[in-house]
Structure formats: C-alpha cells, structure tokens
Amino acid sequence: MIDKYVPANGFNWPLHETIGAQVVSVPMSLPLGQAHSVWRTFMLSFPAVFGCVLIAPNLMVHFLVTKRLKALSRAADEVSLGKLDTASFSTRGGD
C-alpha cells in the first residue's frame, strides 16, 4: 500500500472525506449459539456452586459445634445420673 500510495498523510487522503466503506455481515446463528452455550454452562454450574455454599457451612457447623455439644451434653447427662467415673469429656483447644 505504501509503494502504491506513498507514505505521506495517510496515503494522500483528504481530511474528513469518506474514501470507502466495508460492510461485514455475521450470521446470527453463531452468536446465538455461543450465548446459548454460555447460558447452559452457567445454569448447570449455578446449582453446583449454590449446593457447595449450603453444604460446606453446614458440615463445618456439624463438626465444629454440634458434635462437640453432643459430647458435652452426653457427659453432663452421665454426671447428672451420678456416674462420675464414666463421665469424661475430652477437650482439644484452649477455649
């Protein structure tokens, strides 16, 4: 292009003059297919992420709180029945 039109001033095109135009046509099936694929992927991954967000805190509460409270409650029940020798509660931490 430079050899044909020389390198000065954008190939000697006058300022604010339209030299040519190109029209590009894209079939709608391509973007619609891609959009459908992204939507399907999102809709399939959304329940999986939502399930993990619900299950993970429930498991953490079960293992960190509920399980320990059950053991403490069991030991308290044994003490209240007078079984002081068999009542034991192991502690793992300083709180």
PDB file of N, CA and C in Angstrom:
ATOM      1  N   MET A   1       0.833  -1.198   0.000  1.00  0.00           N
ATOM      2  CA  MET A   1       0.000   0.000   0.000  1.00  0.00           C
ATOM      3  C   MET A   1       0.869   1.250   0.000  1.00  0.00           C
ATOM      4  N   ILE A   2       1.966   1.227   0.762  1.00  0.00           N
ATOM      5  CA  ILE A   2       2.830   2.411   0.811  1.00  0.00           C
ATOM      6  C   ILE A   2       3.506   2.641  -0.534  1.00  0.00           C
ATOM      7  N   ASP A   3       3.909   1.568  -1.199  1.00  0.00           N
ATOM      8  CA  ASP A   3       4.533   1.711  -2.511  1.00  0.00           C
ATOM      9  C   ASP A   3       3.557   2.301  -3.531  1.00  0.00           C
ATOM     10  N   LYS A   4       2.311   1.949  -3.420  1.00  0.00           N
ATOM     11  CA  LYS A   4       1.321   2.402  -4.394  1.00  0.00           C
ATOM     12  C   LYS A   4       0.843   3.821  -4.110  1.00  0.00           C
ATOM     13  N   TYR A   5       0.633   4.157  -2.797  1.00  0.00           N
ATOM     14  CA  TYR A   5       0.013   5.446  -2.470  1.00  0.00           C
ATOM     15  C   TYR A   5       0.950   6.407  -1.738  1.00  0.00           C
ATOM     16  N   VAL A   6       2.195   6.101  -1.559  1.00  0.00           N
ATOM     17  CA  VAL A   6       3.217   6.867  -0.821  1.00  0.00           C
ATOM     18  C   VAL A   6       2.836   7.030   0.646  1.00  0.00           C
ATOM     19  N   PRO A   7       3.815   7.161   1.551  1.00  0.00           N
ATOM     20  CA  PRO A   7       3.537   7.128   2.988  1.00  0.00           C
ATOM     21  C   PRO A   7       3.058   8.442   3.596  1.00  0.00           C
ATOM     22  N   ALA A   8       2.931   9.496   2.863  1.00  0.00           N
ATOM     23  CA  ALA A   8       2.606  10.795   3.441  1.00  0.00           C
ATOM     24  C   ALA A   8       1.103  10.950   3.683  1.00  0.00           C
ATOM     25  N   ASN A   9       0.736  11.434   4.845  1.00  0.00           N
ATOM     26  CA  ASN A   9      -0.626  11.859   5.200  1.00  0.00           C
ATOM     27  C   ASN A   9      -1.686  10.804   4.942  1.00  0.00           C
ATOM     28  N   GLY A  10      -1.478   9.617   5.391  1.00  0.00           N
ATOM     29  CA  GLY A  10      -2.497   8.588   5.247  1.00  0.00           C
ATOM     30  C   GLY A  10      -2.818   8.289   3.809  1.00  0.00           C
ATOM     31  N   PHE A  11      -1.821   8.090   2.977  1.00  0.00           N
ATOM     32  CA  PHE A  11      -1.976   7.755   1.567  1.00  0.00           C
ATOM     33  C   PHE A  11      -2.629   8.888   0.784  1.00  0.00           C
ATOM     34  N   ASN A  12      -2.384  10.136   1.165  1.00  0.00           N
ATOM     35  CA  ASN A  12      -2.892  11.352   0.487  1.00  0.00           C
ATOM     36  C   ASN A  12      -4.409  11.431   0.472  1.00  0.00           C
ATOM     37  N   TRP A  13      -5.033  10.915   1.480  1.00  0.00           N
ATOM     38  CA  TRP A  13      -6.488  11.053   1.571  1.00  0.00           C
ATOM     39  C   TRP A  13      -6.804  12.403   2.177  1.00  0.00           C
ATOM     40  N   PRO A  14      -7.750  13.125   1.603  1.00  0.00           N
ATOM     41  CA  PRO A  14      -8.123  14.421   2.187  1.00  0.00           C
ATOM     42  C   PRO A  14      -8.848  14.215   3.531  1.00  0.00           C
ATOM     43  N   LEU A  15      -8.642  15.159   4.452  1.00  0.00           N
ATOM     44  CA  LEU A  15      -9.245  15.093   5.777  1.00  0.00           C
ATOM     45  C   LEU A  15     -10.768  15.192   5.682  1.00  0.00           C
ATOM     46  N   HIS A  16     -11.480  14.382   6.439  1.00  0.00           N
ATOM     47  CA  HIS A  16     -12.950  14.354   6.520  1.00  0.00           C
ATOM     48  C   HIS A  16     -13.622  13.921   5.222  1.00  0.00           C
ATOM     49  N   GLU A  17     -12.944  13.198   4.382  1.00  0.00           N
ATOM     50  CA  GLU A  17     -13.567  12.692   3.168  1.00  0.00           C
ATOM     51  C   GLU A  17     -13.649  11.170   3.266  1.00  0.00           C
ATOM     52  N   THR A  18     -14.826  10.650   2.999  1.00  0.00           N
ATOM     53  CA  THR A  18     -15.019   9.209   3.043  1.00  0.00           C
ATOM     54  C   THR A  18     -14.477   8.598   1.764  1.00  0.00           C
ATOM     55  N   ILE A  19     -13.537   7.699   1.923  1.00  0.00           N
ATOM     56  CA  ILE A  19     -12.917   7.071   0.771  1.00  0.00           C
ATOM     57  C   ILE A  19     -13.649   5.788   0.397  1.00  0.00           C
ATOM     58  N   GLY A  20     -14.039   5.039   1.385  1.00  0.00           N
ATOM     59  CA  GLY A  20     -14.726   3.785   1.112  1.00  0.00           C
ATOM     60  C   GLY A  20     -15.334   3.241   2.397  1.00  0.00           C
ATOM     61  N   ALA A  21     -16.126   2.252   2.260  1.00  0.00           N
ATOM     62  CA  ALA A  21     -16.771   1.624   3.420  1.00  0.00           C
ATOM     63  C   ALA A  21     -16.843   0.128   3.181  1.00  0.00           C
ATOM     64  N   GLN A  22     -16.741  -0.607   4.258  1.00  0.00           N
ATOM     65  CA  GLN A  22     -16.887  -2.051   4.171  1.00  0.00           C
ATOM     66  C   GLN A  22     -18.019  -2.472   5.091  1.00  0.00           C
ATOM     67  N   VAL A  23     -18.829  -3.378   4.607  1.00  0.00           N
ATOM     68  CA  VAL A  23     -19.937  -3.904   5.392  1.00  0.00           C
ATOM     69  C   VAL A  23     -19.644  -5.367   5.674  1.00  0.00           C
ATOM     70  N   VAL A  24     -19.706  -5.720   6.950  1.00  0.00           N
ATOM     71  CA  VAL A  24     -19.455  -7.097   7.356  1.00  0.00           C
ATOM     72  C   VAL A  24     -20.759  -7.671   7.864  1.00  0.00           C
ATOM     73  N   SER A  25     -21.111  -8.810   7.375  1.00  0.00           N
ATOM     74  CA  SER A  25     -22.336  -9.473   7.792  1.00  0.00           C
ATOM     75  C   SER A  25     -21.982 -10.753   8.544  1.00  0.00           C
ATOM     76  N   VAL A  26     -22.524 -10.895   9.739  1.00  0.00           N
ATOM     77  CA  VAL A  26     -22.282 -12.078  10.557  1.00  0.00           C
ATOM     78  C   VAL A  26     -23.619 -12.774  10.770  1.00  0.00           C
ATOM     79  N   PRO A  27     -23.709 -14.052  10.481  1.00  0.00           N
ATOM     80  CA  PRO A  27     -24.972 -14.750  10.719  1.00  0.00           C
ATOM     81  C   PRO A  27     -25.284 -14.799  12.217  1.00  0.00           C
ATOM     82  N   MET A  28     -26.535 -14.607  12.558  1.00  0.00           N
ATOM     83  CA  MET A  28     -26.952 -14.573  13.962  1.00  0.00           C
ATOM     84  C   MET A  28     -26.861 -15.934  14.623  1.00  0.00           C
ATOM     85  N   SER A  29     -26.768 -16.991  13.872  1.00  0.00           N
ATOM     86  CA  SER A  29     -26.716 -18.319  14.480  1.00  0.00           C
ATOM     87  C   SER A  29     -25.437 -18.509  15.292  1.00  0.00           C
ATOM     88  N   LEU A  30     -24.339 -17.908  14.870  1.00  0.00           N
ATOM     89  CA  LEU A  30     -23.077 -18.046  15.602  1.00  0.00           C
ATOM     90  C   LEU A  30     -23.135 -17.385  16.979  1.00  0.00           C
ATOM     91  N   PRO A  31     -23.468 -16.088  17.110  1.00  0.00           N
ATOM     92  CA  PRO A  31     -23.530 -15.501  18.456  1.00  0.00           C
ATOM     93  C   PRO A  31     -24.647 -16.089  19.311  1.00  0.00           C
ATOM     94  N   LEU A  32     -25.758 -16.463  18.695  1.00  0.00           N
ATOM     95  CA  LEU A  32     -26.833 -17.069  19.482  1.00  0.00           C
ATOM     96  C   LEU A  32     -26.430 -18.442  20.005  1.00  0.00           C
ATOM     97  N   GLY A  33     -25.699 -19.198  19.212  1.00  0.00           N
ATOM     98  CA  GLY A  33     -25.200 -20.496  19.666  1.00  0.00           C
ATOM     99  C   GLY A  33     -24.211 -20.348  20.807  1.00  0.00           C
ATOM    100  N   GLN A  34     -23.318 -19.364  20.700  1.00  0.00           N
ATOM    101  CA  GLN A  34     -22.365 -19.114  21.785  1.00  0.00           C
ATOM    102  C   GLN A  34     -23.078 -18.645  23.044  1.00  0.00           C
ATOM    103  N   ALA A  35     -24.068 -17.780  22.902  1.00  0.00           N
ATOM    104  CA  ALA A  35     -24.817 -17.300  24.058  1.00  0.00           C
ATOM    105  C   ALA A  35     -25.570 -18.451  24.718  1.00  0.00           C
ATOM    106  N   HIS A  36     -26.134 -19.335  23.932  1.00  0.00           N
ATOM    107  CA  HIS A  36     -26.850 -20.482  24.487  1.00  0.00           C
ATOM    108  C   HIS A  36     -25.891 -21.417  25.224  1.00  0.00           C
ATOM    109  N   SER A  37     -24.704 -21.598  24.684  1.00  0.00           N
ATOM    110  CA  SER A  37     -23.706 -22.442  25.327  1.00  0.00           C
ATOM    111  C   SER A  37     -23.266 -21.860  26.674  1.00  0.00           C
ATOM    112  N   VAL A  38     -23.028 -20.555  26.709  1.00  0.00           N
ATOM    113  CA  VAL A  38     -22.636 -19.895  27.961  1.00  0.00           C
ATOM    114  C   VAL A  38     -23.773 -19.958  28.962  1.00  0.00           C
ATOM    115  N   TRP A  39     -25.007 -19.739  28.514  1.00  0.00           N
ATOM    116  CA  TRP A  39     -26.159 -19.786  29.416  1.00  0.00           C
ATOM    117  C   TRP A  39     -26.324 -21.183  30.010  1.00  0.00           C
ATOM    118  N   ARG A  40     -26.176 -22.219  29.177  1.00  0.00           N
ATOM    119  CA  ARG A  40     -26.309 -23.595  29.651  1.00  0.00           C
ATOM    120  C   ARG A  40     -25.222 -23.919  30.673  1.00  0.00           C
ATOM    121  N   THR A  41     -23.993 -23.501  30.401  1.00  0.00           N
ATOM    122  CA  THR A  41     -22.894 -23.742  31.336  1.00  0.00           C
ATOM    123  C   THR A  41     -23.154 -23.036  32.668  1.00  0.00           C
ATOM    124  N   PHE A  42     -23.618 -21.799  32.613  1.00  0.00           N
ATOM    125  CA  PHE A  42     -23.924 -21.053  33.834  1.00  0.00           C
ATOM    126  C   PHE A  42     -25.051 -21.713  34.610  1.00  0.00           C
ATOM    127  N   MET A  43     -26.104 -22.110  33.926  1.00  0.00           N
ATOM    128  CA  MET A  43     -27.251 -22.700  34.615  1.00  0.00           C
ATOM    129  C   MET A  43     -26.921 -24.069  35.203  1.00  0.00           C
ATOM    130  N   LEU A  44     -25.990 -24.800  34.613  1.00  0.00           N
ATOM    131  CA  LEU A  44     -25.588 -26.081  35.178  1.00  0.00           C
ATOM    132  C   LEU A  44     -24.616 -25.897  36.345  1.00  0.00           C
ATOM    133  N   SER A  45     -23.770 -24.890  36.281  1.00  0.00           N
ATOM    134  CA  SER A  45     -22.811 -24.678  37.362  1.00  0.00           C
ATOM    135  C   SER A  45     -23.428 -23.934  38.539  1.00  0.00           C
ATOM    136  N   PHE A  46     -24.474 -23.163  38.321  1.00  0.00           N
ATOM    137  CA  PHE A  46     -25.105 -22.396  39.395  1.00  0.00           C
ATOM    138  C   PHE A  46     -25.622 -23.286  40.523  1.00  0.00           C
ATOM    139  N   PRO A  47     -26.378 -24.357  40.250  1.00  0.00           N
ATOM    140  CA  PRO A  47     -26.814 -25.215  41.363  1.00  0.00           C
ATOM    141  C   PRO A  47     -25.646 -25.904  42.076  1.00  0.00           C
ATOM    142  N   ALA A  48     -24.606 -26.244  41.339  1.00  0.00           N
ATOM    143  CA  ALA A  48     -23.450 -26.886  41.971  1.00  0.00           C
ATOM    144  C   ALA A  48     -22.770 -25.933  42.944  1.00  0.00           C
ATOM    145  N   VAL A  49     -22.575 -24.703  42.534  1.00  0.00           N
ATOM    146  CA  VAL A  49     -21.956 -23.713  43.424  1.00  0.00           C
ATOM    147  C   VAL A  49     -22.882 -23.417  44.594  1.00  0.00           C
ATOM    148  N   PHE A  50     -24.164 -23.263  44.329  1.00  0.00           N
ATOM    149  CA  PHE A  50     -25.131 -22.988  45.390  1.00  0.00           C
ATOM    150  C   PHE A  50     -25.169 -24.136  46.396  1.00  0.00           C
ATOM    151  N   GLY A  51     -25.116 -25.376  45.904  1.00  0.00           N
ATOM    152  CA  GLY A  51     -25.094 -26.540  46.798  1.00  0.00           C
ATOM    153  C   GLY A  51     -23.850 -26.554  47.659  1.00  0.00           C
ATOM    154  N   CYS A  52     -22.697 -26.255  47.070  1.00  0.00           N
ATOM    155  CA  CYS A  52     -21.455 -26.215  47.857  1.00  0.00           C
ATOM    156  C   CYS A  52     -21.506 -25.120  48.903  1.00  0.00           C
ATOM    157  N   VAL A  53     -22.083 -23.988  48.553  1.00  0.00           N
ATOM    158  CA  VAL A  53     -22.185 -22.883  49.508  1.00  0.00           C
ATOM    159  C   VAL A  53     -23.115 -23.257  50.661  1.00  0.00           C
ATOM    160  N   LEU A  54     -24.114 -24.077  50.423  1.00  0.00           N
ATOM    161  CA  LEU A  54     -25.001 -24.507  51.502  1.00  0.00           C
ATOM    162  C   LEU A  54     -24.425 -25.676  52.300  1.00  0.00           C
ATOM    163  N   ILE A  55     -23.791 -26.604  51.628  1.00  0.00           N
ATOM    164  CA  ILE A  55     -23.308 -27.813  52.306  1.00  0.00           C
ATOM    165  C   ILE A  55     -22.067 -27.538  53.149  1.00  0.00           C
ATOM    166  N   ALA A  56     -21.134 -26.762  52.655  1.00  0.00           N
ATOM    167  CA  ALA A  56     -19.876 -26.526  53.369  1.00  0.00           C
ATOM    168  C   ALA A  56     -20.095 -25.905  54.754  1.00  0.00           C
ATOM    169  N   PRO A  57     -20.876 -24.833  54.899  1.00  0.00           N
ATOM    170  CA  PRO A  57     -21.089 -24.282  56.249  1.00  0.00           C
ATOM    171  C   PRO A  57     -21.840 -25.255  57.165  1.00  0.00           C
ATOM    172  N   ASN A  58     -22.774 -26.024  56.603  1.00  0.00           N
ATOM    173  CA  ASN A  58     -23.492 -26.988  57.438  1.00  0.00           C
ATOM    174  C   ASN A  58     -22.555 -28.061  57.973  1.00  0.00           C
ATOM    175  N   LEU A  59     -21.653 -28.550  57.144  1.00  0.00           N
ATOM    176  CA  LEU A  59     -20.675 -29.533  57.602  1.00  0.00           C
ATOM    177  C   LEU A  59     -19.735 -28.935  58.649  1.00  0.00           C
ATOM    178  N   MET A  60     -19.322 -27.707  58.434  1.00  0.00           N
ATOM    179  CA  MET A  60     -18.435 -27.057  59.402  1.00  0.00           C
ATOM    180  C   MET A  60     -19.142 -26.886  60.747  1.00  0.00           C
ATOM    181  N   VAL A  61     -20.395 -26.457  60.737  1.00  0.00           N
ATOM    182  CA  VAL A  61     -21.140 -26.300  61.990  1.00  0.00           C
ATOM    183  C   VAL A  61     -21.326 -27.655  62.661  1.00  0.00           C
ATOM    184  N   HIS A  62     -21.592 -28.683  61.882  1.00  0.00           N
ATOM    185  CA  HIS A  62     -21.791 -30.014  62.464  1.00  0.00           C
ATOM    186  C   HIS A  62     -20.530 -30.497  63.173  1.00  0.00           C
ATOM    187  N   PHE A  63     -19.384 -30.410  62.491  1.00  0.00           N
ATOM    188  CA  PHE A  63     -18.155 -30.947  63.070  1.00  0.00           C
ATOM    189  C   PHE A  63     -17.550 -30.034  64.140  1.00  0.00           C
ATOM    190  N   LEU A  64     -17.699 -28.731  63.998  1.00  0.00           N
ATOM    191  CA  LEU A  64     -17.063 -27.820  64.937  1.00  0.00           C
ATOM    192  C   LEU A  64     -17.940 -27.456  66.128  1.00  0.00           C
ATOM    193  N   VAL A  65     -19.261 -27.548  65.988  1.00  0.00           N
ATOM    194  CA  VAL A  65     -20.148 -27.104  67.071  1.00  0.00           C
ATOM    195  C   VAL A  65     -21.030 -28.248  67.562  1.00  0.00           C
ATOM    196  N   THR A  66     -21.861 -28.778  66.690  1.00  0.00           N
ATOM    197  CA  THR A  66     -22.877 -29.739  67.103  1.00  0.00           C
ATOM    198  C   THR A  66     -22.275 -31.011  67.689  1.00  0.00           C
ATOM    199  N   LYS A  67     -21.255 -31.544  67.057  1.00  0.00           N
ATOM    200  CA  LYS A  67     -20.636 -32.777  67.537  1.00  0.00           C
ATOM    201  C   LYS A  67     -20.040 -32.587  68.928  1.00  0.00           C
ATOM    202  N   ARG A  68     -19.384 -31.463  69.156  1.00  0.00           N
ATOM    203  CA  ARG A  68     -18.806 -31.174  70.472  1.00  0.00           C
ATOM    204  C   ARG A  68     -19.888 -30.947  71.523  1.00  0.00           C
ATOM    205  N   LEU A  69     -20.961 -30.272  71.120  1.00  0.00           N
ATOM    206  CA  LEU A  69     -22.046 -30.046  72.079  1.00  0.00           C
ATOM    207  C   LEU A  69     -22.734 -31.355  72.464  1.00  0.00           C
ATOM    208  N   LYS A  70     -22.860 -32.279  71.527  1.00  0.00           N
ATOM    209  CA  LYS A  70     -23.445 -33.582  71.848  1.00  0.00           C
ATOM    210  C   LYS A  70     -22.582 -34.332  72.849  1.00  0.00           C
ATOM    211  N   ALA A  71     -21.262 -34.291  72.651  1.00  0.00           N
ATOM    212  CA  ALA A  71     -20.359 -34.959  73.595  1.00  0.00           C
ATOM    213  C   ALA A  71     -20.439 -34.307  74.968  1.00  0.00           C
ATOM    214  N   LEU A  72     -20.494 -33.001  75.015  1.00  0.00           N
ATOM    215  CA  LEU A  72     -20.612 -32.289  76.289  1.00  0.00           C
ATOM    216  C   LEU A  72     -21.948 -32.598  76.955  1.00  0.00           C
ATOM    217  N   SER A  73     -23.009 -32.654  76.187  1.00  0.00           N
ATOM    218  CA  SER A  73     -24.327 -32.980  76.725  1.00  0.00           C
ATOM    219  C   SER A  73     -24.369 -34.408  77.256  1.00  0.00           C
ATOM    220  N   ARG A  74     -23.737 -35.340  76.549  1.00  0.00           N
ATOM    221  CA  ARG A  74     -23.678 -36.728  76.994  1.00  0.00           C
ATOM    222  C   ARG A  74     -22.926 -36.834  78.329  1.00  0.00           C
ATOM    223  N   ALA A  75     -21.803 -36.115  78.434  1.00  0.00           N
ATOM    224  CA  ALA A  75     -21.033 -36.122  79.685  1.00  0.00           C
ATOM    225  C   ALA A  75     -21.838 -35.486  80.811  1.00  0.00           C
ATOM    226  N   ALA A  76     -22.568 -34.417  80.527  1.00  0.00           N
ATOM    227  CA  ALA A  76     -23.392 -33.763  81.558  1.00  0.00           C
ATOM    228  C   ALA A  76     -24.521 -34.684  82.005  1.00  0.00           C
ATOM    229  N   ASP A  77     -25.109 -35.449  81.088  1.00  0.00           N
ATOM    230  CA  ASP A  77     -26.159 -36.401  81.462  1.00  0.00           C
ATOM    231  C   ASP A  77     -25.609 -37.486  82.379  1.00  0.00           C
ATOM    232  N   GLU A  78     -24.411 -37.991  82.093  1.00  0.00           N
ATOM    233  CA  GLU A  78     -23.810 -39.021  82.942  1.00  0.00           C
ATOM    234  C   GLU A  78     -23.511 -38.476  84.336  1.00  0.00           C
ATOM    235  N   VAL A  79     -23.037 -37.242  84.405  1.00  0.00           N
ATOM    236  CA  VAL A  79     -22.766 -36.632  85.714  1.00  0.00           C
ATOM    237  C   VAL A  79     -24.065 -36.439  86.476  1.00  0.00           C
ATOM    238  N   SER A  80     -25.123 -36.027  85.804  1.00  0.00           N
ATOM    239  CA  SER A  80     -26.395 -35.800  86.491  1.00  0.00           C
ATOM    240  C   SER A  80     -27.008 -37.102  87.002  1.00  0.00           C
ATOM    241  N   LEU A  81     -26.651 -38.247  86.384  1.00  0.00           N
ATOM    242  CA  LEU A  81     -27.148 -39.534  86.848  1.00  0.00           C
ATOM    243  C   LEU A  81     -26.247 -40.142  87.932  1.00  0.00           C
ATOM    244  N   GLY A  82     -25.177 -39.438  88.288  1.00  0.00           N
ATOM    245  CA  GLY A  82     -24.297 -39.903  89.342  1.00  0.00           C
ATOM    246  C   GLY A  82     -23.147 -40.760  88.864  1.00  0.00           C
ATOM    247  N   LYS A  83     -22.946 -40.898  87.599  1.00  0.00           N
ATOM    248  CA  LYS A  83     -21.853 -41.704  87.052  1.00  0.00           C
ATOM    249  C   LYS A  83     -20.627 -40.805  86.865  1.00  0.00           C
ATOM    250  N   LEU A  84     -19.981 -40.478  87.956  1.00  0.00           N
ATOM    251  CA  LEU A  84     -18.858 -39.562  87.899  1.00  0.00           C
ATOM    252  C   LEU A  84     -17.610 -40.210  87.318  1.00  0.00           C
ATOM    253  N   ASP A  85     -17.488 -41.523  87.460  1.00  0.00           N
ATOM    254  CA  ASP A  85     -16.292 -42.203  86.948  1.00  0.00           C
ATOM    255  C   ASP A  85     -16.309 -42.344  85.428  1.00  0.00           C
ATOM    256  N   THR A  86     -17.473 -42.575  84.842  1.00  0.00           N
ATOM    257  CA  THR A  86     -17.548 -42.799  83.396  1.00  0.00           C
ATOM    258  C   THR A  86     -17.744 -41.507  82.612  1.00  0.00           C
ATOM    259  N   ALA A  87     -18.071 -40.431  83.292  1.00  0.00           N
ATOM    260  CA  ALA A  87     -18.288 -39.162  82.596  1.00  0.00           C
ATOM    261  C   ALA A  87     -16.950 -38.549  82.228  1.00  0.00           C
ATOM    262  N   SER A  88     -16.694 -38.473  80.955  1.00  0.00           N
ATOM    263  CA  SER A  88     -15.452 -37.851  80.501  1.00  0.00           C
ATOM    264  C   SER A  88     -15.750 -36.991  79.266  1.00  0.00           C
ATOM    265  N   PHE A  89     -15.025 -35.928  79.197  1.00  0.00           N
ATOM    266  CA  PHE A  89     -15.170 -35.019  78.045  1.00  0.00           C
ATOM    267  C   PHE A  89     -13.771 -34.555  77.656  1.00  0.00           C
ATOM    268  N   SER A  90     -13.341 -34.968  76.494  1.00  0.00           N
ATOM    269  CA  SER A  90     -12.012 -34.583  76.040  1.00  0.00           C
ATOM    270  C   SER A  90     -12.066 -33.207  75.393  1.00  0.00           C
ATOM    271  N   THR A  91     -11.121 -32.400  75.729  1.00  0.00           N
ATOM    272  CA  THR A  91     -11.043 -31.052  75.173  1.00  0.00           C
ATOM    273  C   THR A  91      -9.857 -30.961  74.235  1.00  0.00           C
ATOM    274  N   ARG A  92     -10.061 -30.286  73.120  1.00  0.00           N
ATOM    275  CA  ARG A  92      -8.989 -30.076  72.142  1.00  0.00           C
ATOM    276  C   ARG A  92      -8.865 -28.594  71.857  1.00  0.00           C
ATOM    277  N   GLY A  93      -8.312 -27.882  72.714  1.00  0.00           N
ATOM    278  CA  GLY A  93      -8.154 -26.445  72.487  1.00  0.00           C
ATOM    279  C   GLY A  93      -8.171 -25.706  73.792  1.00  0.00           C
ATOM    280  N   GLY A  94      -7.962 -24.437  73.706  1.00  0.00           N
ATOM    281  CA  GLY A  94      -7.893 -23.628  74.921  1.00  0.00           C
ATOM    282  C   GLY A  94      -9.112 -22.764  75.163  1.00  0.00           C
ATOM    283  N   ASP A  95     -10.167 -22.944  74.394  1.00  0.00           N
ATOM    284  CA  ASP A  95     -11.340 -22.113  74.598  1.00  0.00           C
ATOM    285  C   ASP A  95     -12.423 -22.837  75.364  1.00  0.00           C
TER     286      ASP A  95
END
